[in-house]
Amino acid sequence: MTIAQQAQLKELFVYDLETGWFTNRFSRGRAKEGERAGAPTGHGYRRIVIDYVKHYEHHLAWLYVHGVYPDETDHWDGIRDHNWIANLRDCSHAQNCFNSERETGESGLRGAYLDKRNLQWYSKIQIGGQVKFLGNYGSAEEAHEAYLSAAELHFGEFAFHNRNLTQEAL
């Protein structure tokens, strides 16, 4: 999408910078004037249809404010339908992957793994497709701290930290 599409987007919708919601400026089809545009997807994002093309709400928010349709957009808080502009940042695909939530295993802490052969905790991180062993540790928390240090070093502001998403959503 280009600046011309930004103008079309602004003709169709009002975007609230604080809530991240798009509201229909007028009725068209099933979309009613004044109602929130789009619908949730099955994987936590919201999509809005424009001219029979589905767009993620967070991509449209970026276009609405910055005039550029992004290839990738990351949510600072990791919650997929929090689309206010201060919660969004432009990123590469790799950076978006760094900040994604993944399974944490039995420790509940990212980067901390239990070696069941010797019941010792260890830490590892994947960087550019390569797995890097970070060492053995006496506890899951120590292994997790090693992971966090390596993530900060390699991924910077996009480093994922365990979040209590249920608390943030309240």
C-alpha atoms as a PDB file:
ATOM      1  CA  MET A   1       0.000   0.000   0.000  1.00  0.00           C
ATOM      2  CA  THR A   2       1.142   3.529  -0.673  1.00  0.00           C
ATOM      3  CA  ILE A   3       0.318   7.056   0.386  1.00  0.00           C
ATOM      4  CA  ALA A   4      -2.714   6.862  -1.949  1.00  0.00           C
ATOM      5  CA  GLN A   5      -3.973   3.917   0.086  1.00  0.00           C
ATOM      6  CA  GLN A   6      -3.326   5.896   3.288  1.00  0.00           C
ATOM      7  CA  ALA A   7      -5.711   8.558   1.971  1.00  0.00           C
ATOM      8  CA  GLN A   8      -8.300   5.875   1.152  1.00  0.00           C
ATOM      9  CA  LEU A   9      -7.851   4.371   4.626  1.00  0.00           C
ATOM     10  CA  LYS A  10      -8.463   7.768   6.237  1.00  0.00           C
ATOM     11  CA  GLU A  11     -11.593   8.230   4.109  1.00  0.00           C
ATOM     12  CA  LEU A  12     -13.028   4.910   5.295  1.00  0.00           C
ATOM     13  CA  PHE A  13     -12.007   4.854   8.948  1.00  0.00           C
ATOM     14  CA  VAL A  14     -11.150   6.882  12.016  1.00  0.00           C
ATOM     15  CA  TYR A  15      -8.179   5.458  13.935  1.00  0.00           C
ATOM     16  CA  ASP A  16      -7.936   6.070  17.684  1.00  0.00           C
ATOM     17  CA  LEU A  17      -4.266   6.425  18.688  1.00  0.00           C
ATOM     18  CA  GLU A  18      -5.033   5.509  22.314  1.00  0.00           C
ATOM     19  CA  THR A  19      -7.172   2.379  21.844  1.00  0.00           C
ATOM     20  CA  GLY A  20      -5.854   1.193  18.489  1.00  0.00           C
ATOM     21  CA  TRP A  21      -9.399   0.786  17.190  1.00  0.00           C
ATOM     22  CA  PHE A  22     -10.573   1.622  13.701  1.00  0.00           C
ATOM     23  CA  THR A  23     -14.142   2.934  13.476  1.00  0.00           C
ATOM     24  CA  ASN A  24     -16.176   3.011  10.258  1.00  0.00           C
ATOM     25  CA  ARG A  25     -16.817   6.554   8.999  1.00  0.00           C
ATOM     26  CA  PHE A  26     -19.927   5.389   7.128  1.00  0.00           C
ATOM     27  CA  SER A  27     -21.944   2.223   6.495  1.00  0.00           C
ATOM     28  CA  ARG A  28     -20.872  -0.111   3.716  1.00  0.00           C
ATOM     29  CA  GLY A  29     -22.177  -3.673   3.430  1.00  0.00           C
ATOM     30  CA  ARG A  30     -22.339  -5.220   6.904  1.00  0.00           C
ATOM     31  CA  ALA A  31     -20.006  -2.542   8.280  1.00  0.00           C
ATOM     32  CA  LYS A  32     -22.074   0.084  10.066  1.00  0.00           C
ATOM     33  CA  GLU A  33     -21.158   3.724  10.609  1.00  0.00           C
ATOM     34  CA  GLY A  34     -19.604   4.344  14.019  1.00  0.00           C
ATOM     35  CA  GLU A  35     -18.952   0.670  14.779  1.00  0.00           C
ATOM     36  CA  ARG A  36     -15.528  -0.869  15.305  1.00  0.00           C
ATOM     37  CA  ALA A  37     -14.138  -2.126  12.014  1.00  0.00           C
ATOM     38  CA  GLY A  38     -12.848  -5.610  11.414  1.00  0.00           C
ATOM     39  CA  ALA A  39     -13.045  -8.855  13.304  1.00  0.00           C
ATOM     40  CA  PRO A  40     -10.750 -11.023  15.390  1.00  0.00           C
ATOM     41  CA  THR A  41      -8.882 -13.882  13.751  1.00  0.00           C
ATOM     42  CA  GLY A  42      -8.505 -17.305  15.282  1.00  0.00           C
ATOM     43  CA  HIS A  43      -4.917 -16.539  16.305  1.00  0.00           C
ATOM     44  CA  GLY A  44      -5.401 -13.336  18.286  1.00  0.00           C
ATOM     45  CA  TYR A  45      -4.977 -10.617  15.666  1.00  0.00           C
ATOM     46  CA  ARG A  46      -7.718  -8.435  14.154  1.00  0.00           C
ATOM     47  CA  ARG A  47      -8.313  -8.079  10.428  1.00  0.00           C
ATOM     48  CA  ILE A  48     -10.109  -5.453   8.391  1.00  0.00           C
ATOM     49  CA  VAL A  49     -11.305  -6.030   4.828  1.00  0.00           C
ATOM     50  CA  ILE A  50     -10.811  -3.221   2.298  1.00  0.00           C
ATOM     51  CA  ASP A  51     -11.832  -3.808  -1.320  1.00  0.00           C
ATOM     52  CA  TYR A  52     -12.115  -7.557  -0.653  1.00  0.00           C
ATOM     53  CA  VAL A  53      -8.536  -7.757   0.665  1.00  0.00           C
ATOM     54  CA  LYS A  54      -7.886  -8.747   4.292  1.00  0.00           C
ATOM     55  CA  HIS A  55      -5.387  -6.614   6.224  1.00  0.00           C
ATOM     56  CA  TYR A  56      -4.128  -6.962   9.770  1.00  0.00           C
ATOM     57  CA  GLU A  57      -5.318  -4.077  11.919  1.00  0.00           C
ATOM     58  CA  HIS A  58      -1.809  -3.384  13.238  1.00  0.00           C
ATOM     59  CA  HIS A  59      -0.455  -3.022   9.679  1.00  0.00           C
ATOM     60  CA  LEU A  60      -3.248  -0.582   8.857  1.00  0.00           C
ATOM     61  CA  ALA A  61      -2.520   1.376  12.041  1.00  0.00           C
ATOM     62  CA  TRP A  62       1.086   1.779  10.932  1.00  0.00           C
ATOM     63  CA  LEU A  63      -0.035   2.896   7.463  1.00  0.00           C
ATOM     64  CA  TYR A  64      -2.621   5.303   8.920  1.00  0.00           C
ATOM     65  CA  VAL A  65      -0.039   7.066  11.103  1.00  0.00           C
ATOM     66  CA  HIS A  66       3.241   6.707   9.165  1.00  0.00           C
ATOM     67  CA  GLY A  67       2.077   6.481   5.534  1.00  0.00           C
ATOM     68  CA  VAL A  68       3.936   3.216   4.924  1.00  0.00           C
ATOM     69  CA  TYR A  69       2.488  -0.300   4.806  1.00  0.00           C
ATOM     70  CA  PRO A  70       4.962  -2.397   6.814  1.00  0.00           C
ATOM     71  CA  ASP A  71       6.244  -5.858   5.979  1.00  0.00           C
ATOM     72  CA  GLU A  72       6.341  -6.672   9.709  1.00  0.00           C
ATOM     73  CA  THR A  73       5.061  -4.893  12.813  1.00  0.00           C
ATOM     74  CA  ASP A  74       5.832  -5.948  16.370  1.00  0.00           C
ATOM     75  CA  HIS A  75       3.665  -5.420  19.454  1.00  0.00           C
ATOM     76  CA  TRP A  76       5.805  -4.153  22.358  1.00  0.00           C
ATOM     77  CA  ASP A  77       3.643  -5.948  24.933  1.00  0.00           C
ATOM     78  CA  GLY A  78       3.300  -9.123  22.858  1.00  0.00           C
ATOM     79  CA  ILE A  79      -0.509  -9.005  22.867  1.00  0.00           C
ATOM     80  CA  ARG A  80      -1.725  -9.393  19.310  1.00  0.00           C
ATOM     81  CA  ASP A  81      -4.831  -7.210  19.442  1.00  0.00           C
ATOM     82  CA  HIS A  82      -3.284  -4.255  21.301  1.00  0.00           C
ATOM     83  CA  ASN A  83      -2.952  -2.056  18.234  1.00  0.00           C
ATOM     84  CA  TRP A  84      -2.503   1.461  19.603  1.00  0.00           C
ATOM     85  CA  ILE A  85       0.364   3.132  17.798  1.00  0.00           C
ATOM     86  CA  ALA A  86       2.616   3.500  20.880  1.00  0.00           C
ATOM     87  CA  ASN A  87       2.510  -0.311  21.259  1.00  0.00           C
ATOM     88  CA  LEU A  88       3.633  -0.950  17.674  1.00  0.00           C
ATOM     89  CA  ARG A  89       7.099  -0.824  16.160  1.00  0.00           C
ATOM     90  CA  ASP A  90       8.509  -1.498  12.732  1.00  0.00           C
ATOM     91  CA  CYS A  91      10.765  -4.546  12.625  1.00  0.00           C
ATOM     92  CA  SER A  92      12.291  -7.231  10.457  1.00  0.00           C
ATOM     93  CA  HIS A  93      10.893 -10.751  10.417  1.00  0.00           C
ATOM     94  CA  ALA A  94      13.832 -11.968  12.515  1.00  0.00           C
ATOM     95  CA  GLN A  95      13.272  -9.252  15.133  1.00  0.00           C
ATOM     96  CA  ASN A  96       9.582 -10.144  15.293  1.00  0.00           C
ATOM     97  CA  CYS A  97      10.553 -13.783  15.914  1.00  0.00           C
ATOM     98  CA  PHE A  98      12.945 -12.798  18.738  1.00  0.00           C
ATOM     99  CA  ASN A  99      10.040 -11.216  20.586  1.00  0.00           C
ATOM    100  CA  SER A 100       7.562 -14.049  20.064  1.00  0.00           C
ATOM    101  CA  GLU A 101       6.213 -16.193  22.837  1.00  0.00           C
ATOM    102  CA  ARG A 102       7.250 -19.850  22.761  1.00  0.00           C
ATOM    103  CA  GLU A 103       6.871 -22.895  24.938  1.00  0.00           C
ATOM    104  CA  THR A 104       9.008 -22.670  28.054  1.00  0.00           C
ATOM    105  CA  GLY A 105       9.006 -26.308  29.131  1.00  0.00           C
ATOM    106  CA  GLU A 106       8.759 -27.500  32.697  1.00  0.00           C
ATOM    107  CA  SER A 107      10.652 -24.573  34.222  1.00  0.00           C
ATOM    108  CA  GLY A 108       8.218 -21.972  32.895  1.00  0.00           C
ATOM    109  CA  LEU A 109      11.267 -19.804  32.125  1.00  0.00           C
ATOM    110  CA  ARG A 110      12.551 -19.219  28.631  1.00  0.00           C
ATOM    111  CA  GLY A 111      16.016 -20.587  27.944  1.00  0.00           C
ATOM    112  CA  ALA A 112      16.084 -22.852  31.036  1.00  0.00           C
ATOM    113  CA  TYR A 113      16.072 -26.598  30.386  1.00  0.00           C
ATOM    114  CA  LEU A 114      16.440 -29.609  32.661  1.00  0.00           C
ATOM    115  CA  ASP A 115      18.835 -32.363  31.589  1.00  0.00           C
ATOM    116  CA  LYS A 116      16.962 -35.388  32.894  1.00  0.00           C
ATOM    117  CA  ARG A 117      20.068 -37.593  32.753  1.00  0.00           C
ATOM    118  CA  ASN A 118      21.871 -35.686  35.499  1.00  0.00           C
ATOM    119  CA  LEU A 119      19.016 -33.446  36.781  1.00  0.00           C
ATOM    120  CA  GLN A 120      21.058 -30.333  36.036  1.00  0.00           C
ATOM    121  CA  TRP A 121      19.711 -27.124  34.524  1.00  0.00           C
ATOM    122  CA  TYR A 122      21.276 -25.728  31.371  1.00  0.00           C
ATOM    123  CA  SER A 123      20.654 -22.798  29.072  1.00  0.00           C
ATOM    124  CA  LYS A 124      20.780 -22.360  25.305  1.00  0.00           C
ATOM    125  CA  ILE A 125      19.766 -19.753  22.755  1.00  0.00           C
ATOM    126  CA  GLN A 126      19.204 -19.825  19.004  1.00  0.00           C
ATOM    127  CA  ILE A 127      20.941 -17.102  17.011  1.00  0.00           C
ATOM    128  CA  GLY A 128      20.707 -16.989  13.233  1.00  0.00           C
ATOM    129  CA  GLY A 129      19.660 -20.630  12.984  1.00  0.00           C
ATOM    130  CA  GLN A 130      22.507 -21.802  15.230  1.00  0.00           C
ATOM    131  CA  VAL A 131      21.921 -23.124  18.759  1.00  0.00           C
ATOM    132  CA  LYS A 132      24.454 -21.784  21.231  1.00  0.00           C
ATOM    133  CA  PHE A 133      24.960 -23.636  24.525  1.00  0.00           C
ATOM    134  CA  LEU A 134      25.239 -21.137  27.401  1.00  0.00           C
ATOM    135  CA  GLY A 135      26.290 -23.472  30.209  1.00  0.00           C
ATOM    136  CA  ASN A 136      25.077 -25.597  33.107  1.00  0.00           C
ATOM    137  CA  TYR A 137      23.467 -23.992  36.167  1.00  0.00           C
ATOM    138  CA  GLY A 138      22.328 -24.947  39.641  1.00  0.00           C
ATOM    139  CA  SER A 139      18.772 -23.698  39.152  1.00  0.00           C
ATOM    140  CA  ALA A 140      16.238 -22.864  36.466  1.00  0.00           C
ATOM    141  CA  GLU A 141      16.415 -19.195  37.497  1.00  0.00           C
ATOM    142  CA  GLU A 142      20.201 -19.065  36.928  1.00  0.00           C
ATOM    143  CA  ALA A 143      19.831 -20.729  33.513  1.00  0.00           C
ATOM    144  CA  HIS A 144      17.071 -18.253  32.650  1.00  0.00           C
ATOM    145  CA  GLU A 145      19.264 -15.306  33.691  1.00  0.00           C
ATOM    146  CA  ALA A 146      22.017 -16.586  31.365  1.00  0.00           C
ATOM    147  CA  TYR A 147      19.482 -16.741  28.541  1.00  0.00           C
ATOM    148  CA  LEU A 148      18.226 -13.209  29.256  1.00  0.00           C
ATOM    149  CA  SER A 149      21.780 -11.824  29.198  1.00  0.00           C
ATOM    150  CA  ALA A 150      22.489 -13.498  25.861  1.00  0.00           C
ATOM    151  CA  ALA A 151      19.125 -12.373  24.437  1.00  0.00           C
ATOM    152  CA  GLU A 152      19.777  -8.755  25.465  1.00  0.00           C
ATOM    153  CA  LEU A 153      23.229  -8.915  23.871  1.00  0.00           C
ATOM    154  CA  HIS A 154      22.067 -10.401  20.561  1.00  0.00           C
ATOM    155  CA  PHE A 155      18.472  -9.173  20.190  1.00  0.00           C
ATOM    156  CA  GLY A 156      18.561  -5.819  22.010  1.00  0.00           C
ATOM    157  CA  GLU A 157      15.171  -4.185  22.510  1.00  0.00           C
ATOM    158  CA  PHE A 158      13.457  -7.130  20.778  1.00  0.00           C
ATOM    159  CA  ALA A 159      14.620  -9.651  23.377  1.00  0.00           C
ATOM    160  CA  PHE A 160      11.691 -11.581  24.802  1.00  0.00           C
ATOM    161  CA  HIS A 161      11.216 -11.632  28.549  1.00  0.00           C
ATOM    162  CA  ASN A 162       8.742 -13.925  30.228  1.00  0.00           C
ATOM    163  CA  ARG A 163       5.496 -12.009  30.584  1.00  0.00           C
ATOM    164  CA  ASN A 164       2.486 -12.724  32.682  1.00  0.00           C
ATOM    165  CA  LEU A 165       0.030 -11.988  29.884  1.00  0.00           C
ATOM    166  CA  THR A 166      -3.001 -12.549  32.074  1.00  0.00           C
ATOM    167  CA  GLN A 167      -1.815  -9.806  34.432  1.00  0.00           C
ATOM    168  CA  GLU A 168      -1.017  -7.396  31.591  1.00  0.00           C
ATOM    169  CA  ALA A 169      -4.432  -7.921  30.031  1.00  0.00           C
ATOM    170  CA  LEU A 170      -6.237  -6.873  33.245  1.00  0.00           C
END
